[in-house]
Amino acid sequence: MSISPPSEKIWWREPIEKAEVVWVALALVWCLIMFAMMPLWHLKGSQNMSNEAYRISPEAFQEKVEAMVTKYKVGTTGKADTPVVHPPPGSDVYLMARLWDWYPVLELEKDKSYRVHISSLDWQHGFSLQPANINLQVHPGIDMVVTLTPTTTGEFGIVCNEFCGIGHHSMLGKLRVVGK
């Protein structure tokens, strides 16, 4: 019994009950199955995105975002006249998080790949692309790079899923995918 000390000091030599051996064996087999599935899910599963992360100052990241906006701006949207950018396929695309805004609106082409750089200027934010269910942590000073190939046209919402202050509930952005 576990409440009282074992009757013999060499307790590991006592026989193990059959039910306990069965449960330990089942747990070991399940652990081995899950261990084998992790690399398989990563390599074959479409839900896991490979990414890269680099250190960058918030000011340097903001300069890259503004340079991209200046070069590829095709219009504006919303009350705040947020720029809409349409970068060429295969290019580096920059998306900036700041209290309480995603900047700019990205317009990407269907079935074309882009390297999307995401970073924050101020606090930790969460990047959640809906309804695609892509989730990433966004930190100031870290350039998170994800290779993204949109497969469906339409307008997708970008939601901050990390509480970032009093305006967190209004931190919404857009990603448009167009067919060309």
N, C-alpha and C. Protein backbone atom coordinates (compact mmCIF):
# COMPACT_ATOMS: atom_id res chain seq x y z
N MET A 1 0.84 -1.17 0.00
CA MET A 1 0.00 0.00 0.00
C MET A 1 0.89 1.24 0.00
N SER A 2 0.48 2.27 -0.67
CA SER A 2 1.33 3.44 -0.83
C SER A 2 1.36 4.35 0.38
N ILE A 3 0.42 4.22 1.28
CA ILE A 3 0.39 5.10 2.45
C ILE A 3 1.45 4.69 3.47
N SER A 4 1.58 3.40 3.66
CA SER A 4 2.58 2.92 4.62
C SER A 4 3.85 2.50 3.87
N PRO A 5 4.97 2.50 4.55
CA PRO A 5 6.21 2.10 3.88
C PRO A 5 6.17 0.62 3.49
N PRO A 6 6.96 0.23 2.49
CA PRO A 6 6.97 -1.18 2.08
C PRO A 6 7.45 -2.07 3.23
N SER A 7 6.93 -3.30 3.23
CA SER A 7 7.30 -4.22 4.31
C SER A 7 8.76 -4.65 4.20
N GLU A 8 9.26 -4.71 2.98
CA GLU A 8 10.66 -5.07 2.80
C GLU A 8 11.42 -3.86 2.26
N LYS A 9 12.66 -3.74 2.67
CA LYS A 9 13.45 -2.60 2.23
C LYS A 9 13.81 -2.68 0.76
N ILE A 10 13.91 -3.87 0.21
CA ILE A 10 14.22 -4.03 -1.22
C ILE A 10 12.89 -4.25 -1.95
N TRP A 11 12.10 -3.21 -2.06
CA TRP A 11 10.74 -3.30 -2.61
C TRP A 11 10.72 -3.58 -4.10
N TRP A 12 11.78 -3.23 -4.84
CA TRP A 12 11.78 -3.42 -6.29
C TRP A 12 11.89 -4.88 -6.69
N ARG A 13 12.17 -5.76 -5.75
CA ARG A 13 12.24 -7.19 -6.05
C ARG A 13 10.89 -7.89 -5.86
N GLU A 14 9.90 -7.17 -5.36
CA GLU A 14 8.58 -7.77 -5.17
C GLU A 14 7.92 -7.96 -6.54
N PRO A 15 7.08 -8.96 -6.68
CA PRO A 15 6.44 -9.20 -7.98
C PRO A 15 5.46 -8.07 -8.33
N ILE A 16 5.35 -7.80 -9.64
CA ILE A 16 4.46 -6.75 -10.13
C ILE A 16 3.17 -7.41 -10.60
N GLU A 17 2.07 -6.78 -10.29
CA GLU A 17 0.78 -7.33 -10.70
C GLU A 17 0.63 -7.25 -12.21
N LYS A 18 -0.10 -8.20 -12.79
CA LYS A 18 -0.26 -8.29 -14.24
C LYS A 18 -0.95 -7.04 -14.81
N ALA A 19 -1.96 -6.52 -14.14
CA ALA A 19 -2.68 -5.33 -14.63
C ALA A 19 -1.74 -4.12 -14.73
N GLU A 20 -0.84 -4.00 -13.77
CA GLU A 20 0.11 -2.89 -13.79
C GLU A 20 1.07 -3.01 -14.96
N VAL A 21 1.53 -4.22 -15.24
CA VAL A 21 2.43 -4.45 -16.38
C VAL A 21 1.71 -4.12 -17.69
N VAL A 22 0.44 -4.50 -17.80
CA VAL A 22 -0.33 -4.22 -19.01
C VAL A 22 -0.45 -2.71 -19.22
N TRP A 23 -0.78 -1.95 -18.17
CA TRP A 23 -0.93 -0.50 -18.31
C TRP A 23 0.39 0.19 -18.65
N VAL A 24 1.46 -0.24 -18.05
CA VAL A 24 2.77 0.34 -18.37
C VAL A 24 3.14 0.03 -19.82
N ALA A 25 2.87 -1.21 -20.28
CA ALA A 25 3.17 -1.58 -21.66
C ALA A 25 2.32 -0.77 -22.64
N LEU A 26 1.03 -0.60 -22.34
CA LEU A 26 0.16 0.22 -23.21
C LEU A 26 0.65 1.67 -23.27
N ALA A 27 1.01 2.22 -22.14
CA ALA A 27 1.51 3.60 -22.11
C ALA A 27 2.80 3.73 -22.91
N LEU A 28 3.69 2.76 -22.80
CA LEU A 28 4.94 2.79 -23.56
C LEU A 28 4.68 2.71 -25.06
N VAL A 29 3.80 1.80 -25.46
CA VAL A 29 3.47 1.67 -26.89
C VAL A 29 2.85 2.97 -27.42
N TRP A 30 1.93 3.57 -26.64
CA TRP A 30 1.30 4.82 -27.08
C TRP A 30 2.35 5.95 -27.19
N CYS A 31 3.26 6.02 -26.25
CA CYS A 31 4.33 7.03 -26.32
C CYS A 31 5.18 6.85 -27.56
N LEU A 32 5.52 5.61 -27.89
CA LEU A 32 6.32 5.35 -29.09
C LEU A 32 5.56 5.72 -30.36
N ILE A 33 4.27 5.44 -30.40
CA ILE A 33 3.45 5.82 -31.56
C ILE A 33 3.42 7.34 -31.71
N MET A 34 3.18 8.06 -30.64
CA MET A 34 3.12 9.53 -30.70
C MET A 34 4.49 10.11 -31.05
N PHE A 35 5.55 9.52 -30.53
CA PHE A 35 6.89 9.99 -30.85
C PHE A 35 7.16 9.83 -32.35
N ALA A 36 6.73 8.71 -32.94
CA ALA A 36 6.93 8.50 -34.38
C ALA A 36 6.04 9.42 -35.20
N MET A 37 4.88 9.78 -34.69
CA MET A 37 3.95 10.61 -35.45
C MET A 37 4.38 12.08 -35.51
N MET A 38 5.11 12.56 -34.52
CA MET A 38 5.48 13.98 -34.51
C MET A 38 6.25 14.40 -35.75
N PRO A 39 7.33 13.70 -36.14
CA PRO A 39 8.00 14.12 -37.38
C PRO A 39 7.12 13.90 -38.62
N LEU A 40 6.31 12.86 -38.59
CA LEU A 40 5.42 12.61 -39.73
C LEU A 40 4.40 13.74 -39.87
N TRP A 41 3.79 14.18 -38.76
CA TRP A 41 2.86 15.30 -38.81
C TRP A 41 3.54 16.56 -39.32
N HIS A 42 4.78 16.76 -38.89
CA HIS A 42 5.48 17.97 -39.32
C HIS A 42 5.80 17.94 -40.81
N LEU A 43 6.25 16.78 -41.31
CA LEU A 43 6.65 16.69 -42.71
C LEU A 43 5.47 16.53 -43.66
N LYS A 44 4.48 15.76 -43.29
CA LYS A 44 3.36 15.46 -44.18
C LYS A 44 2.10 16.26 -43.88
N GLY A 45 1.97 16.74 -42.67
CA GLY A 45 0.76 17.47 -42.29
C GLY A 45 0.77 18.88 -42.81
N SER A 46 -0.39 19.36 -43.23
CA SER A 46 -0.47 20.73 -43.75
C SER A 46 -0.73 21.74 -42.64
N GLN A 47 -0.93 21.29 -41.40
CA GLN A 47 -1.24 22.20 -40.32
C GLN A 47 -0.01 22.83 -39.69
N ASN A 48 1.15 22.28 -39.94
CA ASN A 48 2.37 22.80 -39.33
C ASN A 48 3.17 23.59 -40.35
N MET A 49 3.52 24.80 -39.98
CA MET A 49 4.30 25.64 -40.87
C MET A 49 5.74 25.70 -40.38
N SER A 50 6.65 25.51 -41.30
CA SER A 50 8.05 25.71 -40.95
C SER A 50 8.32 27.20 -40.96
N ASN A 51 9.10 27.66 -40.02
CA ASN A 51 9.37 29.10 -39.98
C ASN A 51 10.80 29.34 -39.55
N GLU A 52 11.19 30.57 -39.68
CA GLU A 52 12.51 31.04 -39.27
C GLU A 52 12.30 32.23 -38.36
N ALA A 53 13.26 32.51 -37.52
CA ALA A 53 13.17 33.68 -36.65
C ALA A 53 14.53 34.36 -36.57
N TYR A 54 14.51 35.69 -36.66
CA TYR A 54 15.73 36.48 -36.62
C TYR A 54 15.54 37.66 -35.68
N ARG A 55 16.63 38.12 -35.11
CA ARG A 55 16.57 39.33 -34.29
C ARG A 55 16.59 40.55 -35.20
N ILE A 56 15.75 41.52 -34.87
CA ILE A 56 15.71 42.78 -35.62
C ILE A 56 15.16 43.85 -34.68
N SER A 57 15.66 45.04 -34.79
CA SER A 57 15.12 46.10 -33.94
C SER A 57 13.75 46.51 -34.50
N PRO A 58 12.84 46.92 -33.63
CA PRO A 58 11.53 47.37 -34.11
C PRO A 58 11.63 48.50 -35.13
N GLU A 59 12.60 49.38 -34.95
CA GLU A 59 12.76 50.50 -35.89
C GLU A 59 13.17 50.00 -37.28
N ALA A 60 14.11 49.05 -37.33
CA ALA A 60 14.56 48.50 -38.61
C ALA A 60 13.43 47.74 -39.30
N PHE A 61 12.61 47.02 -38.51
CA PHE A 61 11.49 46.30 -39.11
C PHE A 61 10.47 47.28 -39.68
N GLN A 62 10.21 48.35 -38.95
CA GLN A 62 9.26 49.36 -39.42
C GLN A 62 9.76 50.00 -40.72
N GLU A 63 11.05 50.22 -40.85
CA GLU A 63 11.60 50.76 -42.10
C GLU A 63 11.36 49.81 -43.27
N LYS A 64 11.52 48.50 -43.03
CA LYS A 64 11.28 47.52 -44.10
C LYS A 64 9.81 47.50 -44.50
N VAL A 65 8.93 47.61 -43.51
CA VAL A 65 7.49 47.64 -43.80
C VAL A 65 7.15 48.87 -44.64
N GLU A 66 7.65 50.02 -44.23
CA GLU A 66 7.35 51.27 -44.95
C GLU A 66 7.93 51.24 -46.37
N ALA A 67 9.11 50.66 -46.54
CA ALA A 67 9.69 50.55 -47.89
C ALA A 67 8.82 49.65 -48.77
N MET A 68 8.30 48.56 -48.22
CA MET A 68 7.42 47.68 -48.99
C MET A 68 6.12 48.40 -49.34
N VAL A 69 5.55 49.13 -48.39
CA VAL A 69 4.31 49.86 -48.64
C VAL A 69 4.52 50.89 -49.74
N THR A 70 5.62 51.62 -49.68
CA THR A 70 5.92 52.63 -50.70
C THR A 70 6.05 52.00 -52.08
N LYS A 71 6.67 50.84 -52.14
CA LYS A 71 6.95 50.18 -53.42
C LYS A 71 5.73 49.48 -54.03
N TYR A 72 4.87 48.86 -53.18
CA TYR A 72 3.81 47.99 -53.72
C TYR A 72 2.40 48.42 -53.37
N LYS A 73 2.19 49.65 -52.91
CA LYS A 73 0.86 50.10 -52.53
C LYS A 73 -0.05 50.18 -53.75
N VAL A 74 -1.27 49.58 -53.59
CA VAL A 74 -2.25 49.62 -54.69
C VAL A 74 -3.53 50.33 -54.28
N GLY A 75 -3.64 50.76 -53.04
CA GLY A 75 -4.84 51.45 -52.58
C GLY A 75 -4.86 51.54 -51.07
N THR A 76 -6.02 51.93 -50.53
CA THR A 76 -6.21 52.02 -49.09
C THR A 76 -7.56 51.40 -48.74
N THR A 77 -7.74 51.13 -47.47
CA THR A 77 -9.00 50.56 -47.01
C THR A 77 -9.29 51.02 -45.59
N GLY A 78 -10.57 51.03 -45.22
CA GLY A 78 -10.97 51.35 -43.86
C GLY A 78 -10.97 52.82 -43.53
N LYS A 79 -11.45 53.11 -42.34
CA LYS A 79 -11.54 54.50 -41.87
C LYS A 79 -10.16 55.13 -41.69
N ALA A 80 -9.18 54.30 -41.33
CA ALA A 80 -7.84 54.82 -41.09
C ALA A 80 -7.00 54.87 -42.36
N ASP A 81 -7.61 54.57 -43.51
CA ASP A 81 -6.88 54.54 -44.80
C ASP A 81 -5.63 53.67 -44.71
N THR A 82 -5.81 52.46 -44.20
CA THR A 82 -4.71 51.51 -44.11
C THR A 82 -4.29 51.13 -45.53
N PRO A 83 -3.00 51.20 -45.85
CA PRO A 83 -2.57 50.86 -47.21
C PRO A 83 -2.79 49.38 -47.53
N VAL A 84 -3.13 49.12 -48.79
CA VAL A 84 -3.23 47.77 -49.32
C VAL A 84 -2.03 47.60 -50.24
N VAL A 85 -1.25 46.53 -50.03
CA VAL A 85 -0.08 46.28 -50.85
C VAL A 85 -0.25 44.98 -51.63
N HIS A 86 0.26 44.97 -52.84
CA HIS A 86 0.22 43.78 -53.70
C HIS A 86 1.64 43.50 -54.19
N PRO A 87 2.43 42.80 -53.35
CA PRO A 87 3.81 42.50 -53.75
C PRO A 87 3.85 41.38 -54.79
N PRO A 88 4.91 41.30 -55.58
CA PRO A 88 5.01 40.23 -56.58
C PRO A 88 5.22 38.87 -55.91
N PRO A 89 4.74 37.79 -56.54
CA PRO A 89 4.95 36.45 -55.98
C PRO A 89 6.43 36.15 -55.78
N GLY A 90 6.72 35.42 -54.73
CA GLY A 90 8.09 35.05 -54.42
C GLY A 90 8.86 36.09 -53.63
N SER A 91 8.24 37.23 -53.38
CA SER A 91 8.96 38.30 -52.69
C SER A 91 8.81 38.20 -51.18
N ASP A 92 9.60 39.01 -50.50
CA ASP A 92 9.48 39.14 -49.05
C ASP A 92 8.38 40.15 -48.75
N VAL A 93 7.45 39.75 -47.89
CA VAL A 93 6.30 40.57 -47.53
C VAL A 93 6.38 40.84 -46.04
N TYR A 94 6.08 42.07 -45.63
CA TYR A 94 6.23 42.46 -44.23
C TYR A 94 4.87 42.84 -43.64
N LEU A 95 4.58 42.28 -42.46
CA LEU A 95 3.35 42.59 -41.73
C LEU A 95 3.74 43.00 -40.32
N MET A 96 3.27 44.15 -39.91
CA MET A 96 3.69 44.74 -38.64
C MET A 96 2.51 44.76 -37.65
N ALA A 97 2.76 44.32 -36.43
CA ALA A 97 1.79 44.42 -35.35
C ALA A 97 2.18 45.57 -34.45
N ARG A 98 1.19 46.34 -34.08
CA ARG A 98 1.40 47.43 -33.12
C ARG A 98 0.07 47.70 -32.43
N LEU A 99 0.13 48.35 -31.29
CA LEU A 99 -1.11 48.59 -30.54
C LEU A 99 -2.09 49.37 -31.40
N TRP A 100 -3.13 48.99 -31.68
CA TRP A 100 -3.90 47.78 -31.77
C TRP A 100 -4.27 47.63 -33.21
N ASP A 101 -3.25 47.29 -34.02
CA ASP A 101 -3.37 47.37 -35.47
C ASP A 101 -2.44 46.37 -36.14
N TRP A 102 -2.90 45.82 -37.28
CA TRP A 102 -2.05 45.06 -38.19
C TRP A 102 -1.83 45.96 -39.41
N TYR A 103 -0.60 46.11 -39.83
CA TYR A 103 -0.27 47.07 -40.89
C TYR A 103 0.71 46.43 -41.85
N PRO A 104 0.51 46.50 -43.13
CA PRO A 104 -0.64 46.95 -43.92
C PRO A 104 -1.56 45.77 -44.22
N VAL A 105 -2.55 46.01 -45.10
CA VAL A 105 -3.37 44.92 -45.62
C VAL A 105 -2.59 44.28 -46.76
N LEU A 106 -2.44 42.96 -46.70
CA LEU A 106 -1.67 42.24 -47.72
C LEU A 106 -2.63 41.69 -48.78
N GLU A 107 -2.27 41.84 -50.03
CA GLU A 107 -3.02 41.26 -51.14
C GLU A 107 -2.07 40.32 -51.88
N LEU A 108 -2.32 39.03 -51.74
CA LEU A 108 -1.45 38.02 -52.32
C LEU A 108 -2.17 37.26 -53.42
N GLU A 109 -1.41 36.60 -54.29
CA GLU A 109 -1.98 35.85 -55.39
C GLU A 109 -2.12 34.38 -55.01
N LYS A 110 -3.22 33.78 -55.46
CA LYS A 110 -3.50 32.38 -55.18
C LYS A 110 -2.44 31.48 -55.83
N ASP A 111 -2.06 30.44 -55.10
CA ASP A 111 -1.10 29.42 -55.54
C ASP A 111 0.30 29.96 -55.81
N LYS A 112 0.62 31.12 -55.28
CA LYS A 112 1.97 31.69 -55.37
C LYS A 112 2.56 31.77 -53.97
N SER A 113 3.85 31.54 -53.86
CA SER A 113 4.51 31.54 -52.55
C SER A 113 5.08 32.91 -52.21
N TYR A 114 5.05 33.22 -50.94
CA TYR A 114 5.59 34.47 -50.40
C TYR A 114 6.32 34.15 -49.10
N ARG A 115 7.36 34.92 -48.82
CA ARG A 115 8.01 34.86 -47.50
C ARG A 115 7.43 36.01 -46.68
N VAL A 116 6.59 35.67 -45.72
CA VAL A 116 5.92 36.68 -44.91
C VAL A 116 6.71 36.89 -43.62
N HIS A 117 7.15 38.13 -43.42
CA HIS A 117 7.88 38.53 -42.22
C HIS A 117 6.87 39.20 -41.28
N ILE A 118 6.81 38.74 -40.04
CA ILE A 118 5.87 39.30 -39.07
C ILE A 118 6.65 39.68 -37.82
N SER A 119 6.41 40.90 -37.34
CA SER A 119 7.04 41.33 -36.09
C SER A 119 6.16 42.37 -35.42
N SER A 120 6.49 42.68 -34.18
CA SER A 120 5.75 43.66 -33.40
C SER A 120 6.64 44.85 -33.09
N LEU A 121 6.01 46.00 -32.98
CA LEU A 121 6.77 47.21 -32.60
C LEU A 121 6.76 47.45 -31.10
N ASP A 122 5.81 46.84 -30.37
CA ASP A 122 5.65 47.24 -28.98
C ASP A 122 5.52 46.09 -27.99
N TRP A 123 4.50 45.26 -28.11
CA TRP A 123 4.22 44.20 -27.14
C TRP A 123 4.14 42.86 -27.85
N GLN A 124 4.01 41.81 -27.05
CA GLN A 124 3.77 40.49 -27.63
C GLN A 124 2.34 40.46 -28.17
N HIS A 125 2.21 39.98 -29.39
CA HIS A 125 0.90 39.81 -30.02
C HIS A 125 0.81 38.38 -30.52
N GLY A 126 -0.38 37.98 -30.89
CA GLY A 126 -0.57 36.67 -31.50
C GLY A 126 -1.14 36.85 -32.89
N PHE A 127 -0.56 36.18 -33.86
CA PHE A 127 -1.03 36.23 -35.25
C PHE A 127 -1.91 35.00 -35.47
N SER A 128 -3.18 35.22 -35.74
CA SER A 128 -4.10 34.13 -36.01
C SER A 128 -4.82 34.44 -37.31
N LEU A 129 -4.55 33.65 -38.34
CA LEU A 129 -5.17 33.85 -39.66
C LEU A 129 -6.42 32.98 -39.72
N GLN A 130 -7.57 33.63 -39.82
CA GLN A 130 -8.84 32.91 -39.81
C GLN A 130 -9.54 33.00 -41.16
N PRO A 131 -10.15 31.95 -41.64
CA PRO A 131 -10.42 30.67 -41.00
C PRO A 131 -9.35 29.62 -41.26
N ALA A 132 -8.17 30.00 -41.73
CA ALA A 132 -7.11 29.03 -42.04
C ALA A 132 -6.51 28.40 -40.79
N ASN A 133 -6.73 29.01 -39.63
CA ASN A 133 -6.22 28.49 -38.36
C ASN A 133 -4.71 28.39 -38.33
N ILE A 134 -4.05 29.45 -38.75
CA ILE A 134 -2.59 29.56 -38.63
C ILE A 134 -2.33 30.47 -37.43
N ASN A 135 -1.54 29.99 -36.48
CA ASN A 135 -1.28 30.74 -35.26
C ASN A 135 0.22 30.87 -35.02
N LEU A 136 0.67 32.09 -34.75
CA LEU A 136 2.08 32.35 -34.45
C LEU A 136 2.18 33.37 -33.32
N GLN A 137 3.26 33.31 -32.58
CA GLN A 137 3.56 34.32 -31.58
C GLN A 137 4.36 35.42 -32.26
N VAL A 138 4.03 36.66 -31.96
CA VAL A 138 4.70 37.81 -32.55
C VAL A 138 5.32 38.63 -31.42
N HIS A 139 6.65 38.74 -31.45
CA HIS A 139 7.37 39.44 -30.38
C HIS A 139 8.11 40.64 -30.95
N PRO A 140 8.24 41.72 -30.17
CA PRO A 140 9.08 42.82 -30.61
C PRO A 140 10.54 42.38 -30.64
N GLY A 141 11.25 42.79 -31.67
CA GLY A 141 12.66 42.43 -31.79
C GLY A 141 12.91 41.09 -32.45
N ILE A 142 11.84 40.37 -32.82
CA ILE A 142 11.97 39.08 -33.49
C ILE A 142 11.22 39.15 -34.82
N ASP A 143 11.93 38.85 -35.89
CA ASP A 143 11.34 38.78 -37.23
C ASP A 143 10.98 37.33 -37.50
N MET A 144 9.69 37.00 -37.42
CA MET A 144 9.21 35.64 -37.67
C MET A 144 8.92 35.55 -39.17
N VAL A 145 9.59 34.61 -39.84
CA VAL A 145 9.45 34.46 -41.29
C VAL A 145 8.75 33.13 -41.59
N VAL A 146 7.66 33.22 -42.35
CA VAL A 146 6.87 32.05 -42.71
C VAL A 146 6.69 32.04 -44.22
N THR A 147 6.91 30.89 -44.84
CA THR A 147 6.62 30.76 -46.27
C THR A 147 5.14 30.40 -46.40
N LEU A 148 4.41 31.24 -47.11
CA LEU A 148 2.96 31.10 -47.22
C LEU A 148 2.58 30.97 -48.68
N THR A 149 1.77 29.96 -49.00
CA THR A 149 1.24 29.76 -50.35
C THR A 149 -0.28 29.67 -50.25
N PRO A 150 -0.99 30.77 -50.48
CA PRO A 150 -2.45 30.74 -50.38
C PRO A 150 -3.05 29.80 -51.43
N THR A 151 -4.02 28.99 -51.02
CA THR A 151 -4.66 28.05 -51.94
C THR A 151 -6.13 28.38 -52.20
N THR A 152 -6.65 29.38 -51.52
CA THR A 152 -8.05 29.77 -51.67
C THR A 152 -8.14 31.29 -51.81
N THR A 153 -8.96 31.75 -52.74
CA THR A 153 -9.17 33.20 -52.87
C THR A 153 -10.16 33.67 -51.82
N GLY A 154 -10.13 34.94 -51.54
CA GLY A 154 -11.06 35.53 -50.58
C GLY A 154 -10.35 36.46 -49.63
N GLU A 155 -11.12 36.91 -48.65
CA GLU A 155 -10.58 37.82 -47.64
C GLU A 155 -10.49 37.06 -46.32
N PHE A 156 -9.33 37.09 -45.71
CA PHE A 156 -9.08 36.37 -44.47
C PHE A 156 -8.82 37.37 -43.36
N GLY A 157 -9.32 37.07 -42.18
CA GLY A 157 -9.12 37.94 -41.04
C GLY A 157 -7.86 37.60 -40.28
N ILE A 158 -7.17 38.62 -39.82
CA ILE A 158 -6.01 38.44 -38.94
C ILE A 158 -6.42 38.95 -37.57
N VAL A 159 -6.32 38.08 -36.59
CA VAL A 159 -6.76 38.40 -35.23
C VAL A 159 -5.57 38.30 -34.30
N CYS A 160 -5.48 39.20 -33.36
CA CYS A 160 -4.47 39.08 -32.30
C CYS A 160 -5.05 38.16 -31.23
N ASN A 161 -4.37 37.05 -30.97
CA ASN A 161 -4.89 36.10 -29.98
C ASN A 161 -4.07 36.08 -28.70
N GLU A 162 -3.29 37.12 -28.46
CA GLU A 162 -2.58 37.32 -27.19
C GLU A 162 -3.04 38.65 -26.62
N PHE A 163 -3.51 38.65 -25.39
CA PHE A 163 -4.01 39.89 -24.80
C PHE A 163 -2.90 40.95 -24.79
N CYS A 164 -3.18 42.08 -25.43
CA CYS A 164 -2.16 43.11 -25.60
C CYS A 164 -2.60 44.47 -25.07
N GLY A 165 -3.63 44.49 -24.26
CA GLY A 165 -4.04 45.75 -23.67
C GLY A 165 -5.51 46.04 -23.91
N ILE A 166 -5.88 47.27 -23.57
CA ILE A 166 -7.29 47.64 -23.57
C ILE A 166 -7.94 47.62 -24.95
N GLY A 167 -7.17 47.79 -26.02
CA GLY A 167 -7.72 47.76 -27.37
C GLY A 167 -7.54 46.43 -28.07
N HIS A 168 -7.18 45.39 -27.32
CA HIS A 168 -6.93 44.06 -27.90
C HIS A 168 -8.09 43.56 -28.75
N HIS A 169 -9.30 43.77 -28.27
CA HIS A 169 -10.48 43.26 -28.97
C HIS A 169 -10.67 43.87 -30.35
N SER A 170 -10.05 45.01 -30.60
CA SER A 170 -10.22 45.66 -31.90
C SER A 170 -9.01 45.48 -32.82
N MET A 171 -8.07 44.62 -32.43
CA MET A 171 -6.86 44.42 -33.24
C MET A 171 -7.15 43.39 -34.32
N LEU A 172 -7.69 43.87 -35.42
CA LEU A 172 -8.07 43.03 -36.55
C LEU A 172 -7.36 43.51 -37.80
N GLY A 173 -6.93 42.59 -38.62
CA GLY A 173 -6.29 42.93 -39.89
C GLY A 173 -6.89 42.09 -41.01
N LYS A 174 -6.38 42.29 -42.21
CA LYS A 174 -6.90 41.55 -43.37
C LYS A 174 -5.76 41.04 -44.24
N LEU A 175 -6.04 39.91 -44.85
CA LEU A 175 -5.18 39.36 -45.87
C LEU A 175 -6.12 38.97 -47.02
N ARG A 176 -5.87 39.54 -48.18
CA ARG A 176 -6.70 39.24 -49.35
C ARG A 176 -5.93 38.31 -50.27
N VAL A 177 -6.62 37.32 -50.82
CA VAL A 177 -6.02 36.43 -51.80
C VAL A 177 -6.84 36.56 -53.07
N VAL A 178 -6.13 36.93 -54.14
CA VAL A 178 -6.78 37.13 -55.43
C VAL A 178 -6.30 36.08 -56.42
N GLY A 179 -7.15 35.74 -57.35
CA GLY A 179 -6.78 34.80 -58.40
C GLY A 179 -6.25 35.56 -59.59
N LYS A 180 -5.11 35.20 -60.12
CA LYS A 180 -4.51 35.89 -61.28
C LYS A 180 -4.27 34.89 -62.36
